[in-house]
PDB file of N, CA and C in Angstrom:
ATOM      1  N   MET A   1       3.257  12.735 -13.949  1.00  0.00           N
ATOM      2  CA  MET A   1       3.282  11.313 -13.673  1.00  0.00           C
ATOM      3  C   MET A   1       4.630  10.892 -13.072  1.00  0.00           C
ATOM      4  N   ALA A   2       5.725  11.473 -13.578  1.00  0.00           N
ATOM      5  CA  ALA A   2       7.043  11.091 -13.082  1.00  0.00           C
ATOM      6  C   ALA A   2       7.219  11.481 -11.622  1.00  0.00           C
ATOM      7  N   ILE A   3       6.646  12.600 -11.236  1.00  0.00           N
ATOM      8  CA  ILE A   3       6.772  13.033  -9.844  1.00  0.00           C
ATOM      9  C   ILE A   3       5.985  12.109  -8.930  1.00  0.00           C
ATOM     10  N   SER A   4       4.780  11.708  -9.353  1.00  0.00           N
ATOM     11  CA  SER A   4       3.978  10.847  -8.485  1.00  0.00           C
ATOM     12  C   SER A   4       4.615   9.467  -8.337  1.00  0.00           C
ATOM     13  N   ILE A   5       5.260   8.961  -9.393  1.00  0.00           N
ATOM     14  CA  ILE A   5       5.938   7.671  -9.282  1.00  0.00           C
ATOM     15  C   ILE A   5       7.118   7.779  -8.326  1.00  0.00           C
ATOM     16  N   SER A   6       7.845   8.890  -8.382  1.00  0.00           N
ATOM     17  CA  SER A   6       8.970   9.083  -7.473  1.00  0.00           C
ATOM     18  C   SER A   6       8.505   9.147  -6.028  1.00  0.00           C
ATOM     19  N   VAL A   7       7.402   9.840  -5.794  1.00  0.00           N
ATOM     20  CA  VAL A   7       6.866   9.940  -4.437  1.00  0.00           C
ATOM     21  C   VAL A   7       6.389   8.581  -3.958  1.00  0.00           C
ATOM     22  N   VAL A   8       5.720   7.827  -4.831  1.00  0.00           N
ATOM     23  CA  VAL A   8       5.240   6.492  -4.467  1.00  0.00           C
ATOM     24  C   VAL A   8       6.407   5.583  -4.126  1.00  0.00           C
ATOM     25  N   LEU A   9       7.458   5.605  -4.926  1.00  0.00           N
ATOM     26  CA  LEU A   9       8.620   4.771  -4.647  1.00  0.00           C
ATOM     27  C   LEU A   9       9.295   5.166  -3.344  1.00  0.00           C
ATOM     28  N   LEU A  10       9.438   6.459  -3.102  1.00  0.00           N
ATOM     29  CA  LEU A  10      10.049   6.923  -1.857  1.00  0.00           C
ATOM     30  C   LEU A  10       9.220   6.484  -0.654  1.00  0.00           C
ATOM     31  N   LEU A  11       7.907   6.677  -0.723  1.00  0.00           N
ATOM     32  CA  LEU A  11       7.057   6.284   0.394  1.00  0.00           C
ATOM     33  C   LEU A  11       7.024   4.772   0.575  1.00  0.00           C
ATOM     34  N   ALA A  12       7.082   4.017  -0.513  1.00  0.00           N
ATOM     35  CA  ALA A  12       7.108   2.556  -0.406  1.00  0.00           C
ATOM     36  C   ALA A  12       8.393   2.089   0.271  1.00  0.00           C
ATOM     37  N   ILE A  13       9.508   2.686  -0.095  1.00  0.00           N
ATOM     38  CA  ILE A  13      10.784   2.335   0.536  1.00  0.00           C
ATOM     39  C   ILE A  13      10.749   2.670   2.020  1.00  0.00           C
ATOM     40  N   LEU A  14      10.224   3.843   2.355  1.00  0.00           N
ATOM     41  CA  LEU A  14      10.126   4.220   3.769  1.00  0.00           C
ATOM     42  C   LEU A  14       9.205   3.278   4.534  1.00  0.00           C
ATOM     43  N   ALA A  15       8.091   2.882   3.938  1.00  0.00           N
ATOM     44  CA  ALA A  15       7.160   1.968   4.613  1.00  0.00           C
ATOM     45  C   ALA A  15       7.823   0.622   4.878  1.00  0.00           C
ATOM     46  N   VAL A  16       8.578   0.106   3.906  1.00  0.00           N
ATOM     47  CA  VAL A  16       9.270  -1.170   4.090  1.00  0.00           C
ATOM     48  C   VAL A  16      10.306  -1.054   5.201  1.00  0.00           C
ATOM     49  N   ILE A  17      11.041   0.030   5.220  1.00  0.00           N
ATOM     50  CA  ILE A  17      12.044   0.229   6.274  1.00  0.00           C
ATOM     51  C   ILE A  17      11.377   0.297   7.642  1.00  0.00           C
ATOM     52  N   PHE A  18      10.270   1.015   7.725  1.00  0.00           N
ATOM     53  CA  PHE A  18       9.575   1.139   9.009  1.00  0.00           C
ATOM     54  C   PHE A  18       9.025  -0.194   9.489  1.00  0.00           C
ATOM     55  N   VAL A  19       8.474  -0.976   8.589  1.00  0.00           N
ATOM     56  CA  VAL A  19       7.913  -2.276   8.986  1.00  0.00           C
ATOM     57  C   VAL A  19       9.025  -3.220   9.419  1.00  0.00           C
ATOM     58  N   ARG A  20      10.150  -3.208   8.709  1.00  0.00           N
ATOM     59  CA  ARG A  20      11.263  -4.098   9.059  1.00  0.00           C
ATOM     60  C   ARG A  20      11.972  -3.682  10.345  1.00  0.00           C
ATOM     61  N   SER A  21      11.886  -2.401  10.691  1.00  0.00           N
ATOM     62  CA  SER A  21      12.585  -1.950  11.893  1.00  0.00           C
ATOM     63  C   SER A  21      11.902  -2.419  13.168  1.00  0.00           C
ATOM     64  N   GLY A  22      10.685  -2.889  13.070  1.00  0.00           N
ATOM     65  CA  GLY A  22      10.045  -3.480  14.241  1.00  0.00           C
ATOM     66  C   GLY A  22       8.848  -2.731  14.756  1.00  0.00           C
ATOM     67  N   GLY A  23       8.996  -1.475  15.084  1.00  0.00           N
ATOM     68  CA  GLY A  23       7.888  -0.744  15.691  1.00  0.00           C
ATOM     69  C   GLY A  23       7.259   0.214  14.705  1.00  0.00           C
ATOM     70  N   LEU A  24       5.944   0.245  14.690  1.00  0.00           N
ATOM     71  CA  LEU A  24       5.237   1.166  13.819  1.00  0.00           C
ATOM     72  C   LEU A  24       4.715   2.313  14.672  1.00  0.00           C
ATOM     73  N   LYS A  25       5.357   3.443  14.552  1.00  0.00           N
ATOM     74  CA  LYS A  25       4.981   4.625  15.325  1.00  0.00           C
ATOM     75  C   LYS A  25       3.970   5.449  14.535  1.00  0.00           C
ATOM     76  N   LEU A  26       3.499   6.542  15.126  1.00  0.00           N
ATOM     77  CA  LEU A  26       2.533   7.395  14.467  1.00  0.00           C
ATOM     78  C   LEU A  26       3.099   7.966  13.175  1.00  0.00           C
ATOM     79  N   SER A  27       4.351   8.376  13.188  1.00  0.00           N
ATOM     80  CA  SER A  27       4.962   8.918  11.972  1.00  0.00           C
ATOM     81  C   SER A  27       5.048   7.860  10.886  1.00  0.00           C
ATOM     82  N   HIS A  28       5.308   6.636  11.264  1.00  0.00           N
ATOM     83  CA  HIS A  28       5.372   5.549  10.293  1.00  0.00           C
ATOM     84  C   HIS A  28       3.991   5.283   9.698  1.00  0.00           C
ATOM     85  N   ALA A  29       2.979   5.326  10.544  1.00  0.00           N
ATOM     86  CA  ALA A  29       1.614   5.114  10.058  1.00  0.00           C
ATOM     87  C   ALA A  29       1.201   6.219   9.094  1.00  0.00           C
ATOM     88  N   LEU A  30       1.636   7.443   9.350  1.00  0.00           N
ATOM     89  CA  LEU A  30       1.327   8.546   8.443  1.00  0.00           C
ATOM     90  C   LEU A  30       1.998   8.358   7.084  1.00  0.00           C
ATOM     91  N   VAL A  31       3.229   7.841   7.077  1.00  0.00           N
ATOM     92  CA  VAL A  31       3.910   7.563   5.818  1.00  0.00           C
ATOM     93  C   VAL A  31       3.143   6.493   5.040  1.00  0.00           C
ATOM     94  N   CYS A  32       2.684   5.465   5.731  1.00  0.00           N
ATOM     95  CA  CYS A  32       1.911   4.413   5.066  1.00  0.00           C
ATOM     96  C   CYS A  32       0.587   4.963   4.540  1.00  0.00           C
ATOM     97  N   LEU A  33      -0.029   5.867   5.268  1.00  0.00           N
ATOM     98  CA  LEU A  33      -1.268   6.496   4.827  1.00  0.00           C
ATOM     99  C   LEU A  33      -1.025   7.326   3.572  1.00  0.00           C
ATOM    100  N   LEU A  34       0.048   8.106   3.567  1.00  0.00           N
ATOM    101  CA  LEU A  34       0.390   8.891   2.383  1.00  0.00           C
ATOM    102  C   LEU A  34       0.696   7.990   1.195  1.00  0.00           C
ATOM    103  N   LEU A  35       1.343   6.860   1.437  1.00  0.00           N
ATOM    104  CA  LEU A  35       1.626   5.911   0.364  1.00  0.00           C
ATOM    105  C   LEU A  35       0.320   5.405  -0.244  1.00  0.00           C
ATOM    106  N   GLY A  36      -0.646   5.113   0.598  1.00  0.00           N
ATOM    107  CA  GLY A  36      -1.943   4.653   0.095  1.00  0.00           C
ATOM    108  C   GLY A  36      -2.626   5.693  -0.770  1.00  0.00           C
ATOM    109  N   PHE A  37      -2.589   6.946  -0.331  1.00  0.00           N
ATOM    110  CA  PHE A  37      -3.191   8.004  -1.130  1.00  0.00           C
ATOM    111  C   PHE A  37      -2.463   8.196  -2.455  1.00  0.00           C
ATOM    112  N   CYS A  38      -1.147   8.117  -2.436  1.00  0.00           N
ATOM    113  CA  CYS A  38      -0.384   8.260  -3.680  1.00  0.00           C
ATOM    114  C   CYS A  38      -0.625   7.088  -4.625  1.00  0.00           C
ATOM    115  N   LEU A  39      -0.706   5.878  -4.083  1.00  0.00           N
ATOM    116  CA  LEU A  39      -0.976   4.709  -4.922  1.00  0.00           C
ATOM    117  C   LEU A  39      -2.366   4.787  -5.539  1.00  0.00           C
ATOM    118  N   ALA A  40      -3.313   5.374  -4.834  1.00  0.00           N
ATOM    119  CA  ALA A  40      -4.677   5.485  -5.352  1.00  0.00           C
ATOM    120  C   ALA A  40      -4.736   6.383  -6.586  1.00  0.00           C
ATOM    121  N   GLY A  41      -3.782   7.273  -6.731  1.00  0.00           N
ATOM    122  CA  GLY A  41      -3.771   8.175  -7.867  1.00  0.00           C
ATOM    123  C   GLY A  41      -2.945   7.686  -9.044  1.00  0.00           C
ATOM    124  N   THR A  42      -2.390   6.495  -8.965  1.00  0.00           N
ATOM    125  CA  THR A  42      -1.559   5.987 -10.053  1.00  0.00           C
ATOM    126  C   THR A  42      -2.344   5.033 -10.939  1.00  0.00           C
ATOM    127  N   ASN A  43      -1.713   4.591 -12.015  1.00  0.00           N
ATOM    128  CA  ASN A  43      -2.345   3.665 -12.947  1.00  0.00           C
ATOM    129  C   ASN A  43      -2.448   2.248 -12.387  1.00  0.00           C
ATOM    130  N   ILE A  44      -1.737   1.944 -11.322  1.00  0.00           N
ATOM    131  CA  ILE A  44      -1.751   0.604 -10.746  1.00  0.00           C
ATOM    132  C   ILE A  44      -2.923   0.406  -9.776  1.00  0.00           C
ATOM    133  N   ALA A  45      -3.637   1.478  -9.444  1.00  0.00           N
ATOM    134  CA  ALA A  45      -4.739   1.397  -8.475  1.00  0.00           C
ATOM    135  C   ALA A  45      -5.816   0.381  -8.874  1.00  0.00           C
ATOM    136  N   PRO A  46      -6.273   0.330 -10.136  1.00  0.00           N
ATOM    137  CA  PRO A  46      -7.281  -0.678 -10.490  1.00  0.00           C
ATOM    138  C   PRO A  46      -6.771  -2.111 -10.315  1.00  0.00           C
ATOM    139  N   SER A  47      -5.504  -2.344 -10.593  1.00  0.00           N
ATOM    140  CA  SER A  47      -4.935  -3.680 -10.415  1.00  0.00           C
ATOM    141  C   SER A  47      -4.889  -4.064  -8.943  1.00  0.00           C
ATOM    142  N   ILE A  48      -4.511  -3.122  -8.093  1.00  0.00           N
ATOM    143  CA  ILE A  48      -4.488  -3.384  -6.655  1.00  0.00           C
ATOM    144  C   ILE A  48      -5.900  -3.677  -6.159  1.00  0.00           C
ATOM    145  N   ASN A  49      -6.863  -2.885  -6.624  1.00  0.00           N
ATOM    146  CA  ASN A  49      -8.246  -3.067  -6.202  1.00  0.00           C
ATOM    147  C   ASN A  49      -8.784  -4.422  -6.641  1.00  0.00           C
ATOM    148  N   SER A  50      -8.533  -4.817  -7.886  1.00  0.00           N
ATOM    149  CA  SER A  50      -9.035  -6.110  -8.352  1.00  0.00           C
ATOM    150  C   SER A  50      -8.327  -7.259  -7.649  1.00  0.00           C
ATOM    151  N   GLY A  51      -7.055  -7.106  -7.337  1.00  0.00           N
ATOM    152  CA  GLY A  51      -6.334  -8.142  -6.594  1.00  0.00           C
ATOM    153  C   GLY A  51      -6.869  -8.310  -5.184  1.00  0.00           C
ATOM    154  N   LEU A  52      -7.157  -7.202  -4.521  1.00  0.00           N
ATOM    155  CA  LEU A  52      -7.729  -7.281  -3.176  1.00  0.00           C
ATOM    156  C   LEU A  52      -9.141  -7.853  -3.203  1.00  0.00           C
ATOM    157  N   THR A  53      -9.908  -7.506  -4.225  1.00  0.00           N
ATOM    158  CA  THR A  53     -11.257  -8.042  -4.355  1.00  0.00           C
ATOM    159  C   THR A  53     -11.219  -9.547  -4.598  1.00  0.00           C
ATOM    160  N   ALA A  54     -10.301  -9.992  -5.438  1.00  0.00           N
ATOM    161  CA  ALA A  54     -10.173 -11.428  -5.701  1.00  0.00           C
ATOM    162  C   ALA A  54      -9.722 -12.174  -4.451  1.00  0.00           C
ATOM    163  N   THR A  55      -8.789 -11.592  -3.711  1.00  0.00           N
ATOM    164  CA  THR A  55      -8.330 -12.224  -2.472  1.00  0.00           C
ATOM    165  C   THR A  55      -9.463 -12.311  -1.455  1.00  0.00           C
ATOM    166  N   ALA A  56     -10.244 -11.257  -1.348  1.00  0.00           N
ATOM    167  CA  ALA A  56     -11.390 -11.270  -0.425  1.00  0.00           C
ATOM    168  C   ALA A  56     -12.409 -12.315  -0.850  1.00  0.00           C
ATOM    169  N   GLY A  57     -12.599 -12.471  -2.152  1.00  0.00           N
ATOM    170  CA  GLY A  57     -13.528 -13.481  -2.659  1.00  0.00           C
ATOM    171  C   GLY A  57     -13.059 -14.893  -2.327  1.00  0.00           C
ATOM    172  N   ILE A  58     -11.769 -15.133  -2.452  1.00  0.00           N
ATOM    173  CA  ILE A  58     -11.210 -16.452  -2.120  1.00  0.00           C
ATOM    174  C   ILE A  58     -11.347 -16.719  -0.630  1.00  0.00           C
ATOM    175  N   LEU A  59     -11.038 -15.731   0.186  1.00  0.00           N
ATOM    176  CA  LEU A  59     -11.140 -15.893   1.630  1.00  0.00           C
ATOM    177  C   LEU A  59     -12.597 -16.070   2.067  1.00  0.00           C
ATOM    178  N   ASP A  60     -13.528 -15.480   1.314  1.00  0.00           N
ATOM    179  CA  ASP A  60     -14.931 -15.621   1.654  1.00  0.00           C
ATOM    180  C   ASP A  60     -15.444 -17.036   1.416  1.00  0.00           C
ATOM    181  N   THR A  61     -14.839 -17.737   0.449  1.00  0.00           N
ATOM    182  CA  THR A  61     -15.293 -19.100   0.152  1.00  0.00           C
ATOM    183  C   THR A  61     -14.742 -20.119   1.119  1.00  0.00           C
ATOM    184  N   LEU A  62     -13.700 -19.758   1.842  1.00  0.00           N
ATOM    185  CA  LEU A  62     -13.119 -20.689   2.824  1.00  0.00           C
ATOM    186  C   LEU A  62     -14.012 -20.780   4.055  1.00  0.00           C
ATOM    187  N   ARG A  63     -14.255 -21.970   4.479  1.00  0.00           N
ATOM    188  CA  ARG A  63     -15.054 -22.193   5.690  1.00  0.00           C
ATOM    189  C   ARG A  63     -14.188 -22.859   6.725  1.00  0.00           C
ATOM    190  N   PRO A  64     -14.200 -22.373   7.973  1.00  0.00           N
ATOM    191  CA  PRO A  64     -13.361 -22.966   9.006  1.00  0.00           C
ATOM    192  C   PRO A  64     -13.876 -24.327   9.458  1.00  0.00           C
TER     193      PRO A  64
END
């Protein structure tokens, strides 16, 4: 568990740096993809999923 948290934190830091630097290149997209896979294997994955589901539900009720 400690190794996966370290990898998740490292990839999250790299993703933030890449997004703030302006351009998202292929290597940056791969880091973000790896971050997603690592986050899916952690204990926070159900919370992320329920948060995204709730956000989608709220956006679905909005009518333009």
